[in-house]
């Protein structure tokens, strides 16, 4: 990835690059709003189907494992589709999944509807960052990637809290219906603004060993599994943790989740400002930050400002790691292989989400929800140790 000079950092992005990038950013916002909303409404969804919170939490695990299973095969198939046709088809499938989620009469059908959304998720997050980079001049690649990840942060700032507030006021089904309506706006934006990029060479299974021989890429994958497993051991149950352990009032739970998202914007900003010049240190710092946040969750729960401080560190570190890892994947793979490499990244990230949610459910049903941060922090600490001692050196050598 080319490092921008001060002059190019200041140059305004032309409208032909900015407008389709904004449509892609809105799509990223919606994909992550849809992914996160069940976390914010976990208690209500569980109550609607007479389930425990850990039982309803299985929906999060199943969604994540579906993304993990579907990412690579769907992306290999999709590599034959022109970018504009692919991204618009993905958004159309996403909207269909939201309609099905809103109308699901049983928990089993809700899970099936979420699997439709998972299929769109699997492809979208395989191509979002590579497409964003292709939309802009090389010197604005880091900015383009940070905008896509900003969509994730804004989903936490507005999407998750507003979705939760809407769900509490009008029912959780209405949240999915509103996500669908906004998704149709994003779809129109992509249809009218996204350029007809060249398709590129199709990726086949015969090229998978090419990725397997890329040791820095394998290192990122390992760190990502540890990162997402630790992260979602606690995050999947953050709403009941804040209410039951930290004794945060229901309206302030929404504020805490908003703080998480605002801090994600800060993480995205730090990436755009610091990553190109401090790649190794930046990636390691994000893993150390997530570990510190998780291990602090229980000790600071009794303090008035404690959960908000933890959410701030957690959100900034999580977003910064996500975009930094994606930037490294694009840097160390060829253009034709980057989307498939990213699909593996997305799949493994969701393996971690599924494992984390599953482990978190075991913790909730066993020793108690108060320990989800401790267990998640131990897993994340292993990832931080790997990043500090091994991964940084591997990535540094790949640049020489």
Protein backbone atom coordinates (compact mmCIF):
# COMPACT_ATOMS: atom_id res chain seq x y z
CA UNK A 1 0.00 0.00 0.00
CA UNK A 2 1.46 3.35 -1.06
CA UNK A 3 2.21 5.79 1.75
CA UNK A 4 0.57 9.14 1.05
CA UNK A 5 2.62 12.30 1.08
CA UNK A 6 1.44 15.38 3.01
CA UNK A 7 0.34 16.96 -0.27
CA UNK A 8 -1.83 14.02 -1.33
CA UNK A 9 -3.32 13.72 2.15
CA UNK A 10 -4.58 17.28 1.81
CA UNK A 11 -5.91 16.85 -1.74
CA UNK A 12 -9.68 16.66 -1.88
CA UNK A 13 -11.14 13.38 -3.10
CA UNK A 14 -12.90 13.93 -6.43
CA UNK A 15 -16.64 13.26 -6.60
CA UNK A 16 -16.20 10.32 -8.99
CA UNK A 17 -14.29 8.55 -6.20
CA UNK A 18 -16.14 9.95 -3.18
CA UNK A 19 -19.75 9.23 -4.18
CA UNK A 20 -19.45 5.47 -4.84
CA UNK A 21 -17.23 5.21 -1.76
CA UNK A 22 -19.98 6.82 0.33
CA UNK A 23 -22.53 4.35 -1.07
CA UNK A 24 -20.18 1.51 -0.13
CA UNK A 25 -19.69 3.04 3.34
CA UNK A 26 -23.47 3.22 3.85
CA UNK A 27 -23.67 -0.45 2.88
CA UNK A 28 -20.96 -1.28 5.42
CA UNK A 29 -22.94 0.62 8.05
CA UNK A 30 -26.04 -1.43 7.31
CA UNK A 31 -24.27 -4.80 7.20
CA UNK A 32 -22.78 -4.17 10.61
CA UNK A 33 -25.94 -2.64 12.05
CA UNK A 34 -27.74 -5.84 11.09
CA UNK A 35 -24.98 -7.96 12.61
CA UNK A 36 -24.86 -6.02 15.89
CA UNK A 37 -28.57 -5.35 16.48
CA UNK A 38 -29.36 -8.83 17.88
CA UNK A 39 -26.69 -8.20 20.54
CA UNK A 40 -28.43 -5.00 21.64
CA UNK A 41 -31.83 -6.70 21.62
CA UNK A 42 -30.77 -10.10 22.92
CA UNK A 43 -32.94 -9.93 26.02
CA UNK A 44 -36.08 -8.95 24.06
CA UNK A 45 -35.54 -11.56 21.35
CA UNK A 46 -34.99 -14.22 24.01
CA UNK A 47 -38.21 -13.17 25.75
CA UNK A 48 -40.21 -13.23 22.52
CA UNK A 49 -39.40 -16.89 21.97
CA UNK A 50 -39.27 -17.92 25.64
CA UNK A 51 -35.52 -18.60 25.57
CA UNK A 52 -32.65 -17.91 27.92
CA UNK A 53 -30.12 -15.26 26.87
CA UNK A 54 -27.55 -17.95 26.16
CA UNK A 55 -30.14 -19.82 24.08
CA UNK A 56 -30.90 -16.73 22.01
CA UNK A 57 -27.15 -16.09 21.81
CA UNK A 58 -26.84 -19.24 19.70
CA UNK A 59 -28.32 -17.13 16.89
CA UNK A 60 -25.15 -15.03 16.98
CA UNK A 61 -22.94 -18.13 16.89
CA UNK A 62 -24.89 -19.74 14.02
CA UNK A 63 -24.71 -16.49 12.02
CA UNK A 64 -20.97 -16.25 12.57
CA UNK A 65 -20.29 -19.87 11.71
CA UNK A 66 -22.39 -19.54 8.54
CA UNK A 67 -20.30 -16.56 7.45
CA UNK A 68 -17.18 -18.57 8.21
CA UNK A 69 -18.38 -21.55 6.17
CA UNK A 70 -19.72 -19.52 3.24
CA UNK A 71 -17.03 -16.85 2.82
CA UNK A 72 -14.50 -18.83 0.78
CA UNK A 73 -16.81 -20.86 -1.51
CA UNK A 74 -19.09 -17.90 -2.21
CA UNK A 75 -16.15 -15.61 -2.91
CA UNK A 76 -14.52 -18.07 -5.31
CA UNK A 77 -17.82 -18.32 -7.18
CA UNK A 78 -18.33 -14.55 -7.04
CA UNK A 79 -14.85 -13.81 -8.42
CA UNK A 80 -16.34 -14.46 -11.89
CA UNK A 81 -18.96 -11.70 -11.45
CA UNK A 82 -18.20 -8.07 -12.41
CA UNK A 83 -17.78 -5.89 -9.29
CA UNK A 84 -20.86 -3.72 -9.81
CA UNK A 85 -23.15 -6.68 -10.43
CA UNK A 86 -21.70 -8.47 -7.44
CA UNK A 87 -22.05 -5.65 -4.91
CA UNK A 88 -25.62 -4.82 -5.96
CA UNK A 89 -26.69 -8.47 -5.85
CA UNK A 90 -25.22 -8.75 -2.35
CA UNK A 91 -27.26 -5.74 -1.14
CA UNK A 92 -30.44 -7.13 -2.70
CA UNK A 93 -29.94 -10.45 -0.89
CA UNK A 94 -29.24 -8.55 2.32
CA UNK A 95 -32.57 -6.69 2.06
CA UNK A 96 -34.43 -9.94 1.46
CA UNK A 97 -32.90 -11.37 4.62
CA UNK A 98 -34.07 -8.38 6.65
CA UNK A 99 -37.66 -8.83 5.47
CA UNK A 100 -37.53 -12.50 6.41
CA UNK A 101 -36.06 -11.67 9.83
CA UNK A 102 -38.79 -9.14 10.57
CA UNK A 103 -41.53 -11.60 9.61
CA UNK A 104 -40.12 -14.78 11.22
CA UNK A 105 -42.86 -16.37 13.40
CA UNK A 106 -40.51 -18.81 15.19
CA UNK A 107 -36.94 -18.71 16.46
CA UNK A 108 -35.93 -21.42 13.98
CA UNK A 109 -37.20 -19.34 11.05
CA UNK A 110 -35.48 -16.27 12.46
CA UNK A 111 -32.21 -18.21 12.45
CA UNK A 112 -32.84 -19.26 8.82
CA UNK A 113 -33.52 -15.66 7.87
CA UNK A 114 -30.29 -14.63 9.56
CA UNK A 115 -28.50 -17.24 7.45
CA UNK A 116 -29.68 -15.41 4.32
CA UNK A 117 -28.15 -12.23 5.74
CA UNK A 118 -25.00 -14.19 6.60
CA UNK A 119 -24.59 -15.18 2.95
CA UNK A 120 -24.64 -11.52 1.90
CA UNK A 121 -22.29 -10.67 4.77
CA UNK A 122 -19.83 -13.37 3.68
CA UNK A 123 -19.40 -11.86 0.23
CA UNK A 124 -19.68 -8.18 1.18
CA UNK A 125 -16.83 -8.19 3.69
CA UNK A 126 -14.67 -10.17 1.26
CA UNK A 127 -14.89 -7.43 -1.36
CA UNK A 128 -15.64 -4.17 0.51
CA UNK A 129 -12.05 -3.15 1.28
CA UNK A 130 -10.53 -4.34 -2.04
CA UNK A 131 -13.30 -2.55 -3.97
CA UNK A 132 -12.82 0.61 -1.88
CA UNK A 133 -9.12 0.64 -2.71
CA UNK A 134 -9.90 0.20 -6.42
CA UNK A 135 -12.34 3.13 -6.38
CA UNK A 136 -9.68 5.70 -5.46
CA UNK A 137 -6.19 6.78 -6.45
CA UNK A 138 -3.40 4.71 -4.79
CA UNK A 139 -2.37 7.56 -2.50
CA UNK A 140 -5.89 7.60 -1.00
CA UNK A 141 -6.09 3.85 -0.33
CA UNK A 142 -5.69 4.16 3.45
CA UNK A 143 -8.35 6.88 3.57
CA UNK A 144 -10.74 4.73 1.53
CA UNK A 145 -10.27 1.77 3.86
CA UNK A 146 -10.73 3.93 6.93
CA UNK A 147 -14.04 5.17 5.47
CA UNK A 148 -15.32 1.60 5.09
CA UNK A 149 -14.37 0.80 8.66
CA UNK A 150 -15.98 4.11 9.71
CA UNK A 151 -19.22 2.55 8.48
CA UNK A 152 -18.70 -0.11 11.15
CA UNK A 153 -18.08 2.48 13.85
CA UNK A 154 -21.11 4.54 12.84
CA UNK A 155 -23.16 1.34 13.03
CA UNK A 156 -22.12 1.10 16.67
CA UNK A 157 -22.73 4.81 17.30
CA UNK A 158 -26.10 5.12 15.61
CA UNK A 159 -27.16 1.78 14.13
CA UNK A 160 -26.94 -0.41 17.22
CA UNK A 161 -28.22 2.16 19.76
CA UNK A 162 -30.99 3.43 17.47
CA UNK A 163 -31.89 -0.12 16.50
CA UNK A 164 -32.04 -1.05 20.16
CA UNK A 165 -34.13 2.04 21.05
CA UNK A 166 -36.49 1.35 18.14
CA UNK A 167 -36.75 -2.29 19.15
CA UNK A 168 -37.56 -1.40 22.75
CA UNK A 169 -40.20 1.10 21.66
CA UNK A 170 -41.87 -0.70 18.75
CA UNK A 171 -40.59 -4.26 18.94
CA UNK A 172 -37.41 -5.86 17.64
CA UNK A 173 -39.07 -6.81 14.33
CA UNK A 174 -39.41 -3.15 13.39
CA UNK A 175 -35.65 -2.75 13.69
CA UNK A 176 -35.06 -5.30 10.96
CA UNK A 177 -37.75 -3.67 8.80
CA UNK A 178 -36.04 -0.27 9.08
CA UNK A 179 -32.66 -1.78 8.22
CA UNK A 180 -34.27 -3.20 5.07
CA UNK A 181 -35.72 0.19 4.10
CA UNK A 182 -32.35 1.89 4.47
CA UNK A 183 -30.73 -0.99 2.59
CA UNK A 184 -32.91 -0.20 -0.41
CA UNK A 185 -31.53 3.36 -0.36
CA UNK A 186 -27.98 1.98 -0.34
CA UNK A 187 -28.87 -0.36 -3.20
CA UNK A 188 -30.12 2.52 -5.33
CA UNK A 189 -26.93 4.42 -4.53
CA UNK A 190 -24.74 1.54 -5.67
CA UNK A 191 -26.79 1.03 -8.84
CA UNK A 192 -26.43 4.68 -9.83
CA UNK A 193 -22.97 5.60 -8.49
CA UNK A 194 -20.76 2.53 -8.46
CA UNK A 195 -18.55 2.43 -11.58
CA UNK A 196 -18.13 -0.58 -13.85
CA UNK A 197 -14.76 -1.79 -12.63
CA UNK A 198 -12.97 -4.51 -14.63
CA UNK A 199 -13.72 -7.99 -13.32
CA UNK A 200 -10.14 -9.23 -12.91
CA UNK A 201 -8.94 -12.82 -13.10
CA UNK A 202 -11.19 -15.44 -11.53
CA UNK A 203 -9.75 -17.16 -8.48
CA UNK A 204 -9.81 -20.97 -8.46
CA UNK A 205 -9.22 -23.60 -5.79
CA UNK A 206 -5.94 -24.43 -7.50
CA UNK A 207 -4.56 -21.09 -6.29
CA UNK A 208 -5.33 -21.66 -2.61
CA UNK A 209 -1.81 -23.04 -1.92
CA UNK A 210 -0.57 -19.58 -2.97
CA UNK A 211 -2.27 -18.18 0.13
CA UNK A 212 -1.11 -21.08 2.29
CA UNK A 213 2.54 -20.32 1.47
CA UNK A 214 2.17 -16.70 2.56
CA UNK A 215 3.48 -16.88 6.14
CA UNK A 216 2.67 -13.26 7.11
CA UNK A 217 -0.89 -13.84 5.88
CA UNK A 218 -1.18 -16.99 7.99
CA UNK A 219 0.11 -14.99 10.95
CA UNK A 220 -2.64 -12.40 10.50
CA UNK A 221 -5.19 -15.19 10.31
CA UNK A 222 -4.02 -16.72 13.59
CA UNK A 223 -4.02 -13.35 15.35
CA UNK A 224 -7.51 -12.66 14.00
CA UNK A 225 -8.99 -15.89 15.38
CA UNK A 226 -7.58 -15.08 18.83
CA UNK A 227 -8.69 -11.45 18.57
CA UNK A 228 -12.28 -12.16 17.55
CA UNK A 229 -12.69 -15.11 19.93
CA UNK A 230 -11.63 -13.02 22.92
CA UNK A 231 -13.60 -9.99 21.73
CA UNK A 232 -16.92 -11.82 21.27
CA UNK A 233 -16.65 -13.96 24.38
CA UNK A 234 -17.55 -10.75 26.18
CA UNK A 235 -19.20 -8.57 23.50
CA UNK A 236 -21.91 -11.11 22.63
CA UNK A 237 -23.23 -10.66 26.19
CA UNK A 238 -22.37 -7.01 26.77
CA UNK A 239 -26.01 -5.92 27.14
CA UNK A 240 -26.89 -8.34 29.97
CA UNK A 241 -23.43 -7.81 31.53
CA UNK A 242 -23.96 -4.06 31.75
CA UNK A 243 -27.43 -4.52 33.23
CA UNK A 244 -26.81 -7.41 35.61
CA UNK A 245 -23.17 -6.96 36.69
CA UNK A 246 -22.39 -3.27 36.20
CA UNK A 247 -25.95 -2.29 37.20
CA UNK A 248 -26.13 0.22 34.36
CA UNK A 249 -29.70 1.50 33.82
CA UNK A 250 -31.31 0.41 30.56
CA UNK A 251 -31.13 3.86 28.93
CA UNK A 252 -27.44 4.18 29.84
CA UNK A 253 -26.71 0.79 28.27
CA UNK A 254 -27.51 2.46 24.96
CA UNK A 255 -25.13 5.30 25.87
CA UNK A 256 -22.36 2.80 26.67
CA UNK A 257 -22.83 1.10 23.31
CA UNK A 258 -22.71 4.52 21.65
CA UNK A 259 -19.41 5.27 23.40
CA UNK A 260 -18.10 2.01 21.96
CA UNK A 261 -18.95 3.21 18.45
CA UNK A 262 -17.61 6.76 18.90
CA UNK A 263 -14.34 5.27 20.11
CA UNK A 264 -14.32 3.15 16.94
CA UNK A 265 -14.28 6.37 14.92
CA UNK A 266 -11.23 7.41 16.91
CA UNK A 267 -9.60 4.08 16.08
CA UNK A 268 -10.32 4.61 12.38
CA UNK A 269 -8.86 8.14 12.56
CA UNK A 270 -5.73 6.87 14.30
CA UNK A 271 -5.30 4.27 11.56
CA UNK A 272 -5.48 6.91 8.81
CA UNK A 273 -2.97 9.11 10.66
CA UNK A 274 -0.46 6.60 12.05
CA UNK A 275 -0.59 3.24 10.35
CA UNK A 276 1.49 3.86 7.24
CA UNK A 277 4.46 5.08 9.28
CA UNK A 278 4.13 2.67 12.24
CA UNK A 279 2.62 -0.54 10.89
CA UNK A 280 4.22 -3.03 13.28
CA UNK A 281 3.73 -1.00 16.45
CA UNK A 282 0.18 -0.01 15.48
CA UNK A 283 -1.04 -3.57 14.98
CA UNK A 284 0.52 -4.75 18.24
CA UNK A 285 -0.92 -1.80 20.17
CA UNK A 286 -4.44 -2.65 19.01
CA UNK A 287 -4.17 -6.18 20.39
CA UNK A 288 -2.73 -4.97 23.68
CA UNK A 289 -5.58 -2.45 23.91
CA UNK A 290 -8.32 -5.02 23.39
CA UNK A 291 -6.73 -7.29 26.00
CA UNK A 292 -6.56 -4.48 28.55
CA UNK A 293 -10.19 -3.55 27.91
CA UNK A 294 -11.48 -7.10 28.35
CA UNK A 295 -9.48 -7.76 31.51
CA UNK A 296 -10.70 -4.43 32.95
CA UNK A 297 -14.37 -5.12 32.28
CA UNK A 298 -15.15 -6.86 35.61
CA UNK A 299 -12.79 -4.83 37.87
CA UNK A 300 -14.21 -1.51 36.62
CA UNK A 301 -17.85 -2.62 36.52
CA UNK A 302 -18.53 -1.25 39.99
CA UNK A 303 -17.34 2.27 39.15
CA UNK A 304 -19.79 4.79 37.72
CA UNK A 305 -17.59 5.65 34.75
CA UNK A 306 -15.84 2.27 34.58
CA UNK A 307 -17.96 0.57 31.88
CA UNK A 308 -17.78 3.68 29.69
CA UNK A 309 -13.97 3.86 29.95
CA UNK A 310 -13.73 0.19 29.06
CA UNK A 311 -16.08 0.63 26.08
CA UNK A 312 -13.97 3.54 24.82
CA UNK A 313 -10.71 1.57 24.88
CA UNK A 314 -12.45 -1.53 23.56
CA UNK A 315 -14.12 0.23 20.63
CA UNK A 316 -11.01 2.14 19.53
CA UNK A 317 -8.79 -0.94 19.69
CA UNK A 318 -11.27 -3.22 17.94
CA UNK A 319 -11.82 -0.93 14.97
CA UNK A 320 -8.13 -0.12 14.65
CA UNK A 321 -7.16 -3.80 14.61
CA UNK A 322 -9.80 -4.66 12.02
CA UNK A 323 -8.75 -2.04 9.49
CA UNK A 324 -5.02 -2.53 10.12
CA UNK A 325 -5.27 -6.28 9.54
CA UNK A 326 -7.22 -5.71 6.31
CA UNK A 327 -4.65 -3.18 5.12
CA UNK A 328 -1.87 -5.70 5.68
CA UNK A 329 -3.76 -8.42 3.82
CA UNK A 330 -4.19 -6.17 0.79
CA UNK A 331 -0.51 -5.18 0.97
CA UNK A 332 0.89 -8.73 1.11
CA UNK A 333 -1.40 -10.35 -1.52
CA UNK A 334 -1.86 -9.77 -5.24
CA UNK A 335 -4.88 -7.84 -6.52
CA UNK A 336 -6.47 -10.98 -7.96
CA UNK A 337 -5.98 -12.90 -4.69
CA UNK A 338 -6.82 -10.09 -2.26
CA UNK A 339 -10.62 -10.58 -2.31
CA UNK A 340 -10.29 -14.31 -1.62
CA UNK A 341 -7.64 -13.66 1.04
CA UNK A 342 -10.08 -11.20 2.57
CA UNK A 343 -12.87 -13.78 2.40
CA UNK A 344 -10.71 -16.17 4.41
CA UNK A 345 -10.05 -13.34 6.87
CA UNK A 346 -13.79 -12.67 7.15
CA UNK A 347 -14.49 -16.36 7.56
CA UNK A 348 -11.88 -16.81 10.29
CA UNK A 349 -13.04 -13.64 12.02
CA UNK A 350 -16.49 -15.17 12.17
CA UNK A 351 -15.10 -18.48 13.37
CA UNK A 352 -13.77 -16.44 16.28
CA UNK A 353 -17.12 -14.70 16.74
CA UNK A 354 -18.89 -18.05 16.86
CA UNK A 355 -16.35 -19.55 19.25
CA UNK A 356 -16.42 -16.46 21.43
CA UNK A 357 -20.21 -16.35 21.59
CA UNK A 358 -20.32 -20.08 22.35
CA UNK A 359 -17.66 -19.83 25.07
CA UNK A 360 -19.36 -16.75 26.49
CA UNK A 361 -22.63 -18.69 26.71
CA UNK A 362 -20.87 -21.47 28.63
CA UNK A 363 -19.40 -18.89 31.01
CA UNK A 364 -22.85 -17.31 31.53
CA UNK A 365 -24.47 -20.68 32.28
CA UNK A 366 -21.56 -21.85 34.44
CA UNK A 367 -19.36 -19.57 36.55
CA UNK A 368 -21.44 -16.52 35.68
CA UNK A 369 -21.72 -13.64 33.27
CA UNK A 370 -19.38 -11.52 35.39
CA UNK A 371 -16.40 -13.53 34.11
CA UNK A 372 -16.94 -13.14 30.35
CA UNK A 373 -14.38 -10.31 30.23
CA UNK A 374 -11.76 -12.30 32.12
CA UNK A 375 -12.12 -15.35 29.87
CA UNK A 376 -12.15 -13.21 26.73
CA UNK A 377 -9.15 -11.24 27.96
CA UNK A 378 -7.09 -14.40 28.45
CA UNK A 379 -7.75 -15.42 24.84
CA UNK A 380 -6.96 -11.93 23.55
CA UNK A 381 -3.77 -11.87 25.62
CA UNK A 382 -2.50 -14.87 23.65
CA UNK A 383 -3.13 -12.90 20.45
CA UNK A 384 -1.37 -9.84 21.85
CA UNK A 385 1.67 -11.93 22.80
CA UNK A 386 1.81 -13.38 19.28
CA UNK A 387 1.54 -9.94 17.68
CA UNK A 388 4.27 -8.43 19.85
CA UNK A 389 6.73 -11.33 19.60
CA UNK A 390 6.17 -12.81 16.12
CA UNK A 391 3.65 -11.21 13.79
CA UNK A 392 5.24 -7.78 13.64
CA UNK A 393 8.58 -9.26 12.60
CA UNK A 394 6.92 -11.45 9.95
CA UNK A 395 5.16 -8.45 8.42
CA UNK A 396 8.30 -6.33 8.55
CA UNK A 397 10.27 -8.96 6.66
CA UNK A 398 7.55 -9.19 4.03
CA UNK A 399 8.12 -5.53 3.18
CA UNK A 400 11.82 -6.04 2.40
